[in-house]
C-alpha atoms as a PDB file:
ATOM      1  CA  MET A   1      12.688  -1.057  18.820  1.00  0.00           C
ATOM      2  CA  ARG A   2      12.442  -4.821  18.938  1.00  0.00           C
ATOM      3  CA  LEU A   3       9.014  -6.310  18.258  1.00  0.00           C
ATOM      4  CA  ARG A   4       8.857  -7.788  21.790  1.00  0.00           C
ATOM      5  CA  GLN A   5       9.482  -4.351  23.287  1.00  0.00           C
ATOM      6  CA  LEU A   6       6.788  -2.854  21.095  1.00  0.00           C
ATOM      7  CA  VAL A   7       4.161  -5.402  22.141  1.00  0.00           C
ATOM      8  CA  ILE A   8       4.884  -4.581  25.782  1.00  0.00           C
ATOM      9  CA  ALA A   9       4.815  -0.855  25.067  1.00  0.00           C
ATOM     10  CA  VAL A  10       1.271  -0.901  23.714  1.00  0.00           C
ATOM     11  CA  TYR A  11      -0.036  -1.263  27.228  1.00  0.00           C
ATOM     12  CA  CYS A  12       1.054   2.286  27.992  1.00  0.00           C
ATOM     13  CA  VAL A  13      -1.888   4.645  28.227  1.00  0.00           C
ATOM     14  CA  SER A  14      -2.576   7.177  25.503  1.00  0.00           C
ATOM     15  CA  ILE A  15      -5.097   9.967  25.139  1.00  0.00           C
ATOM     16  CA  GLY A  16      -8.321   8.742  23.575  1.00  0.00           C
ATOM     17  CA  HIS A  17     -11.768  10.183  22.965  1.00  0.00           C
ATOM     18  CA  GLY A  18     -13.007  11.534  26.261  1.00  0.00           C
ATOM     19  CA  GLY A  19     -10.108  10.285  28.384  1.00  0.00           C
ATOM     20  CA  LEU A  20      -7.435   7.599  28.665  1.00  0.00           C
ATOM     21  CA  ALA A  21      -7.458   4.502  26.493  1.00  0.00           C
ATOM     22  CA  LEU A  22      -5.211   1.501  25.957  1.00  0.00           C
ATOM     23  CA  ALA A  23      -3.636   1.009  22.556  1.00  0.00           C
ATOM     24  CA  ASP A  24      -4.673  -2.146  20.698  1.00  0.00           C
ATOM     25  CA  PRO A  25      -1.760  -4.645  20.753  1.00  0.00           C
ATOM     26  CA  LEU A  26      -2.655  -6.109  17.340  1.00  0.00           C
ATOM     27  CA  THR A  27      -2.778  -2.664  15.734  1.00  0.00           C
ATOM     28  CA  ALA A  28       0.536  -1.615  17.253  1.00  0.00           C
ATOM     29  CA  THR A  29       2.215  -4.841  16.194  1.00  0.00           C
ATOM     30  CA  ALA A  30       0.866  -4.639  12.646  1.00  0.00           C
ATOM     31  CA  THR A  31       1.901  -1.000  12.277  1.00  0.00           C
ATOM     32  CA  HIS A  32       5.419  -1.741  13.484  1.00  0.00           C
ATOM     33  CA  LYS A  33       5.822  -4.792  11.258  1.00  0.00           C
ATOM     34  CA  ALA A  34       4.570  -2.799   8.262  1.00  0.00           C
ATOM     35  CA  GLU A  35       7.101  -0.051   8.941  1.00  0.00           C
ATOM     36  CA  VAL A  36       9.967  -2.552   9.062  1.00  0.00           C
ATOM     37  CA  LEU A  37       8.800  -4.280   5.874  1.00  0.00           C
ATOM     38  CA  GLU A  38       8.334  -0.918   4.151  1.00  0.00           C
ATOM     39  CA  GLU A  39      11.908   0.099   5.012  1.00  0.00           C
ATOM     40  CA  LYS A  40      13.243  -3.203   3.701  1.00  0.00           C
ATOM     41  CA  ALA A  41      11.364  -2.834   0.416  1.00  0.00           C
ATOM     42  CA  ALA A  42      12.477   0.783  -0.016  1.00  0.00           C
ATOM     43  CA  SER A  43      16.106  -0.225   0.504  1.00  0.00           C
ATOM     44  CA  GLY A  44      16.015  -2.294  -2.672  1.00  0.00           C
ATOM     45  CA  ALA A  45      16.384  -5.621  -0.870  1.00  0.00           C
ATOM     46  CA  LYS A  46      15.400  -8.694  -2.870  1.00  0.00           C
ATOM     47  CA  ALA A  47      11.644  -9.213  -2.884  1.00  0.00           C
ATOM     48  CA  SER A  48      11.336 -12.264  -0.666  1.00  0.00           C
ATOM     49  CA  PRO A  49       8.816 -13.008   2.114  1.00  0.00           C
ATOM     50  CA  PRO A  50       9.999 -12.414   5.696  1.00  0.00           C
ATOM     51  CA  PRO A  51      10.067 -15.120   8.390  1.00  0.00           C
ATOM     52  CA  ALA A  52       6.614 -15.881   9.783  1.00  0.00           C
ATOM     53  CA  SER A  53       7.384 -14.039  13.017  1.00  0.00           C
ATOM     54  CA  GLN A  54       8.079 -10.830  11.085  1.00  0.00           C
ATOM     55  CA  ALA A  55       5.179 -11.079   8.635  1.00  0.00           C
ATOM     56  CA  ILE A  56       1.888  -9.261   9.197  1.00  0.00           C
ATOM     57  CA  SER A  57      -0.788 -11.814  10.080  1.00  0.00           C
ATOM     58  CA  PRO A  58      -4.384 -11.629   8.792  1.00  0.00           C
ATOM     59  CA  ALA A  59      -5.688 -10.743  12.257  1.00  0.00           C
ATOM     60  CA  GLU A  60      -3.099  -8.004  12.694  1.00  0.00           C
ATOM     61  CA  ALA A  61      -3.949  -6.470   9.325  1.00  0.00           C
ATOM     62  CA  GLN A  62      -7.669  -6.401  10.032  1.00  0.00           C
ATOM     63  CA  ALA A  63      -7.093  -4.733  13.407  1.00  0.00           C
ATOM     64  CA  VAL A  64      -5.676  -1.679  11.628  1.00  0.00           C
ATOM     65  CA  ASP A  65      -8.209   0.975  10.587  1.00  0.00           C
ATOM     66  CA  PRO A  66     -11.232  -1.306  11.248  1.00  0.00           C
ATOM     67  CA  ALA A  67     -13.809   1.312  10.232  1.00  0.00           C
ATOM     68  CA  GLY A  68     -11.908   2.620   7.208  1.00  0.00           C
ATOM     69  CA  GLN A  69     -11.827   6.114   8.679  1.00  0.00           C
ATOM     70  CA  ALA A  70      -8.354   6.410  10.233  1.00  0.00           C
ATOM     71  CA  PRO A  71      -5.873   9.098   9.128  1.00  0.00           C
ATOM     72  CA  LEU A  72      -3.576   7.958   6.344  1.00  0.00           C
ATOM     73  CA  ASP A  73      -0.329   7.988   8.289  1.00  0.00           C
ATOM     74  CA  ASP A  74       0.879   4.370   8.343  1.00  0.00           C
ATOM     75  CA  ALA A  75       1.976   2.037   5.561  1.00  0.00           C
ATOM     76  CA  LEU A  76      -0.798  -0.530   5.871  1.00  0.00           C
ATOM     77  CA  THR A  77      -3.620   2.027   5.923  1.00  0.00           C
ATOM     78  CA  CYS A  78      -2.178   4.064   3.044  1.00  0.00           C
ATOM     79  CA  LEU A  79      -1.674   0.993   0.879  1.00  0.00           C
ATOM     80  CA  ALA A  80      -5.058  -0.544   1.701  1.00  0.00           C
ATOM     81  CA  ARG A  81      -6.928   2.691   1.061  1.00  0.00           C
ATOM     82  CA  SER A  82      -5.188   3.181  -2.289  1.00  0.00           C
ATOM     83  CA  ILE A  83      -5.958  -0.395  -3.318  1.00  0.00           C
ATOM     84  CA  TYR A  84      -9.565   0.107  -2.274  1.00  0.00           C
ATOM     85  CA  TRP A  85     -10.150   3.339  -4.175  1.00  0.00           C
ATOM     86  CA  GLU A  86      -8.262   2.354  -7.315  1.00  0.00           C
ATOM     87  CA  ALA A  87      -9.729  -1.142  -7.670  1.00  0.00           C
ATOM     88  CA  LYS A  88     -12.680  -1.670  -5.325  1.00  0.00           C
ATOM     89  CA  GLY A  89     -14.931  -2.344  -8.306  1.00  0.00           C
ATOM     90  CA  GLY A  90     -12.574  -4.954  -9.741  1.00  0.00           C
ATOM     91  CA  SER A  91     -11.352  -8.411  -8.865  1.00  0.00           C
ATOM     92  CA  GLN A  92      -8.873  -9.425  -6.196  1.00  0.00           C
ATOM     93  CA  GLY A  93      -6.332  -9.689  -9.000  1.00  0.00           C
ATOM     94  CA  ASP A  94      -6.925  -6.031  -9.899  1.00  0.00           C
ATOM     95  CA  MET A  95      -6.324  -5.067  -6.274  1.00  0.00           C
ATOM     96  CA  GLU A  96      -3.121  -7.094  -6.191  1.00  0.00           C
ATOM     97  CA  ASP A  97      -1.888  -5.399  -9.359  1.00  0.00           C
ATOM     98  CA  VAL A  98      -2.444  -1.934  -7.879  1.00  0.00           C
ATOM     99  CA  ALA A  99      -0.559  -3.025  -4.756  1.00  0.00           C
ATOM    100  CA  SER A 100       2.324  -4.225  -6.917  1.00  0.00           C
ATOM    101  CA  VAL A 101       2.584  -0.842  -8.643  1.00  0.00           C
ATOM    102  CA  VAL A 102       2.812   0.951  -5.289  1.00  0.00           C
ATOM    103  CA  MET A 103       5.476  -1.463  -4.055  1.00  0.00           C
ATOM    104  CA  ASN A 104       7.383  -1.171  -7.334  1.00  0.00           C
ATOM    105  CA  ARG A 105       7.599   2.598  -6.856  1.00  0.00           C
ATOM    106  CA  LEU A 106       8.713   2.445  -3.248  1.00  0.00           C
ATOM    107  CA  GLY A 107      12.216   3.863  -2.850  1.00  0.00           C
ATOM    108  CA  GLN A 108      12.908   3.959  -6.589  1.00  0.00           C
ATOM    109  CA  ALA A 109      14.346   7.018  -8.370  1.00  0.00           C
ATOM    110  CA  GLY A 110      11.773   9.786  -8.494  1.00  0.00           C
ATOM    111  CA  PHE A 111       9.532   8.208  -5.869  1.00  0.00           C
ATOM    112  CA  PRO A 112       9.320   8.550  -2.073  1.00  0.00           C
ATOM    113  CA  GLY A 113      10.718   6.006   0.351  1.00  0.00           C
ATOM    114  CA  THR A 114       7.457   5.385   2.219  1.00  0.00           C
ATOM    115  CA  VAL A 115       4.163   3.887   1.118  1.00  0.00           C
ATOM    116  CA  CYS A 116       2.219   6.941   2.282  1.00  0.00           C
ATOM    117  CA  GLY A 117       4.664   9.174   0.400  1.00  0.00           C
ATOM    118  CA  VAL A 118       4.121   7.162  -2.783  1.00  0.00           C
ATOM    119  CA  VAL A 119       0.332   7.244  -2.426  1.00  0.00           C
ATOM    120  CA  LYS A 120       0.233  10.996  -1.726  1.00  0.00           C
ATOM    121  CA  GLN A 121       2.953  12.031  -4.190  1.00  0.00           C
ATOM    122  CA  GLY A 122       2.107  15.110  -6.243  1.00  0.00           C
ATOM    123  CA  SER A 123      -0.586  16.392  -3.904  1.00  0.00           C
ATOM    124  CA  GLU A 124       1.566  19.392  -3.023  1.00  0.00           C
ATOM    125  CA  HIS A 125       1.252  20.483  -6.670  1.00  0.00           C
ATOM    126  CA  ASN A 126      -2.342  19.270  -7.128  1.00  0.00           C
ATOM    127  CA  ASN A 127      -0.998  16.696  -9.553  1.00  0.00           C
ATOM    128  CA  CYS A 128      -1.558  13.446  -7.680  1.00  0.00           C
ATOM    129  CA  GLN A 129      -0.045  10.209  -8.922  1.00  0.00           C
ATOM    130  CA  PHE A 130      -3.145   8.423  -7.597  1.00  0.00           C
ATOM    131  CA  SER A 131      -6.176  10.467  -8.575  1.00  0.00           C
ATOM    132  CA  TRP A 132      -8.381   9.448  -5.639  1.00  0.00           C
ATOM    133  CA  TRP A 133      -6.103  11.355  -3.269  1.00  0.00           C
ATOM    134  CA  CYS A 134      -6.792  14.668  -5.058  1.00  0.00           C
ATOM    135  CA  ASP A 135     -10.375  14.242  -6.218  1.00  0.00           C
ATOM    136  CA  GLY A 136     -11.850  16.342  -3.396  1.00  0.00           C
ATOM    137  CA  ARG A 137     -14.040  13.506  -2.131  1.00  0.00           C
ATOM    138  CA  ALA A 138     -13.997  11.838   1.267  1.00  0.00           C
ATOM    139  CA  ASP A 139     -11.252   9.207   1.532  1.00  0.00           C
ATOM    140  CA  GLN A 140     -12.976   6.919   4.028  1.00  0.00           C
ATOM    141  CA  ALA A 141     -13.716   3.367   2.887  1.00  0.00           C
ATOM    142  CA  GLU A 142     -17.448   2.794   2.372  1.00  0.00           C
ATOM    143  CA  GLU A 143     -17.793  -0.931   1.636  1.00  0.00           C
ATOM    144  CA  ASN A 144     -16.618  -3.111   4.507  1.00  0.00           C
ATOM    145  CA  ASP A 145     -16.212  -6.319   2.531  1.00  0.00           C
ATOM    146  CA  ARG A 146     -14.122  -4.670  -0.189  1.00  0.00           C
ATOM    147  CA  TYR A 147     -11.993  -2.825   2.338  1.00  0.00           C
ATOM    148  CA  THR A 148     -11.411  -6.024   4.293  1.00  0.00           C
ATOM    149  CA  LEU A 149     -10.112  -7.583   1.083  1.00  0.00           C
ATOM    150  CA  ALA A 150      -8.003  -4.498   0.315  1.00  0.00           C
ATOM    151  CA  LYS A 151      -6.332  -4.715   3.719  1.00  0.00           C
ATOM    152  CA  ASP A 152      -5.539  -8.382   3.201  1.00  0.00           C
ATOM    153  CA  VAL A 153      -4.020  -7.608  -0.191  1.00  0.00           C
ATOM    154  CA  ALA A 154      -2.001  -4.784   1.385  1.00  0.00           C
ATOM    155  CA  ARG A 155      -0.784  -7.202   4.046  1.00  0.00           C
ATOM    156  CA  LYS A 156       0.401  -9.687   1.439  1.00  0.00           C
ATOM    157  CA  ALA A 157       2.058  -6.932  -0.598  1.00  0.00           C
ATOM    158  CA  LEU A 158       4.057  -5.660   2.381  1.00  0.00           C
ATOM    159  CA  ASN A 159       4.934  -9.273   3.250  1.00  0.00           C
ATOM    160  CA  ARG A 160       6.176  -9.665  -0.347  1.00  0.00           C
ATOM    161  CA  GLN A 161       3.797 -12.596  -0.784  1.00  0.00           C
ATOM    162  CA  LEU A 162       2.227 -11.439  -4.058  1.00  0.00           C
ATOM    163  CA  VAL A 163       3.234 -12.507  -7.530  1.00  0.00           C
ATOM    164  CA  ASP A 164       3.902  -9.312  -9.479  1.00  0.00           C
ATOM    165  CA  ARG A 165       1.829  -9.869 -12.589  1.00  0.00           C
ATOM    166  CA  THR A 166       2.605  -6.309 -13.700  1.00  0.00           C
ATOM    167  CA  HIS A 167       6.271  -7.295 -14.235  1.00  0.00           C
ATOM    168  CA  GLY A 168       7.720  -4.327 -12.409  1.00  0.00           C
ATOM    169  CA  ALA A 169       5.229  -1.694 -13.602  1.00  0.00           C
ATOM    170  CA  GLN A 170       5.326   1.705 -11.921  1.00  0.00           C
ATOM    171  CA  TYR A 171       2.403   3.224 -13.820  1.00  0.00           C
ATOM    172  CA  PHE A 172      -1.026   2.095 -14.941  1.00  0.00           C
ATOM    173  CA  HIS A 173      -4.300   3.354 -16.328  1.00  0.00           C
ATOM    174  CA  ASP A 174      -7.657   1.746 -16.949  1.00  0.00           C
ATOM    175  CA  HIS A 175      -8.887   0.827 -20.402  1.00  0.00           C
ATOM    176  CA  SER A 176     -11.184   3.826 -20.642  1.00  0.00           C
ATOM    177  CA  VAL A 177      -8.297   6.247 -21.205  1.00  0.00           C
ATOM    178  CA  THR A 178      -5.007   6.318 -23.137  1.00  0.00           C
ATOM    179  CA  PRO A 179      -2.836   9.118 -21.708  1.00  0.00           C
ATOM    180  CA  ALA A 180      -0.197  10.494 -24.079  1.00  0.00           C
ATOM    181  CA  THR A 181       2.386  10.416 -21.288  1.00  0.00           C
ATOM    182  CA  PHE A 182       2.548   6.632 -21.535  1.00  0.00           C
ATOM    183  CA  THR A 183       3.574   6.457 -25.184  1.00  0.00           C
ATOM    184  CA  SER A 184       7.283   6.656 -24.329  1.00  0.00           C
ATOM    185  CA  MET A 185       7.071   3.851 -21.762  1.00  0.00           C
ATOM    186  CA  VAL A 186       7.240   0.079 -22.064  1.00  0.00           C
ATOM    187  CA  ARG A 187       3.955  -1.754 -21.664  1.00  0.00           C
ATOM    188  CA  THR A 188       4.627  -4.578 -19.221  1.00  0.00           C
ATOM    189  CA  ALA A 189       1.205  -6.189 -18.778  1.00  0.00           C
ATOM    190  CA  GLN A 190      -2.506  -5.702 -19.055  1.00  0.00           C
ATOM    191  CA  SER A 191      -5.555  -7.112 -17.337  1.00  0.00           C
ATOM    192  CA  SER A 192      -9.263  -6.921 -18.009  1.00  0.00           C
ATOM    193  CA  ARG A 193      -9.264  -3.560 -16.192  1.00  0.00           C
ATOM    194  CA  PHE A 194      -5.792  -1.964 -16.364  1.00  0.00           C
ATOM    195  CA  VAL A 195      -2.755  -1.488 -18.603  1.00  0.00           C
ATOM    196  CA  PHE A 196       0.677  -1.356 -16.925  1.00  0.00           C
ATOM    197  CA  TYR A 197       3.930   0.385 -17.815  1.00  0.00           C
ATOM    198  CA  ARG A 198       7.416   1.183 -16.620  1.00  0.00           C
ATOM    199  CA  PRO A 199       9.921   3.703 -17.993  1.00  0.00           C
ATOM    200  CA  ARG A 200      11.941   2.467 -20.944  1.00  0.00           C
ATOM    201  CA  GLY A 201      15.337   1.103 -19.961  1.00  0.00           C
ATOM    202  CA  GLU A 202      14.479   0.511 -16.292  1.00  0.00           C
ATOM    203  CA  GLN A 203      14.718  -2.940 -14.741  1.00  0.00           C
ATOM    204  CA  ALA A 204      11.902  -4.278 -12.603  1.00  0.00           C
ATOM    205  CA  PRO A 205      12.538  -3.436  -8.921  1.00  0.00           C
ATOM    206  CA  GLY A 206      13.759  -6.139  -6.553  1.00  0.00           C
ATOM    207  CA  LYS A 207      15.029  -8.404  -9.324  1.00  0.00           C
END
């Protein structure tokens, strides 16, 4: 569906709480753009920003999941929520690094081809790749300012507007632990909060 057709389509009625409601044009546009950008990233296309008309704008990103309570079933929400829960106590740079890891996994061997698939991977075996998804706690965002920042970082990640300071990392852990599973991997970077790795012999995605 072309973006113009989608913007028109959002004026169709849908079932809402207690009756009929109109879909939010900004939300629909952002969700569609994110899906297209997700597919491009998963295909292995070179990591370059899209034209302005195809990029998710700040206003569009903030229109998605405004209360931090939406189901995790679209790329922008899944990425923003993962950024939030993995790095909400850190800096913007920490959030950007987490986003880079998710994007570096997308569509690569052993990983799903969607952002939500990457974020939720392993849950079917109770062995989540991102621990917050399996910790048994509520997944709703609780701090509006941090979630607003997480959504903006997610927007930039999907737009391929972030510098990947992890150098292609597909795994990370914080400094409080040193899992044995990482000893066979190549350390690619570290920050004040995290240490990053990718499997030995693998090239950074999108290079």
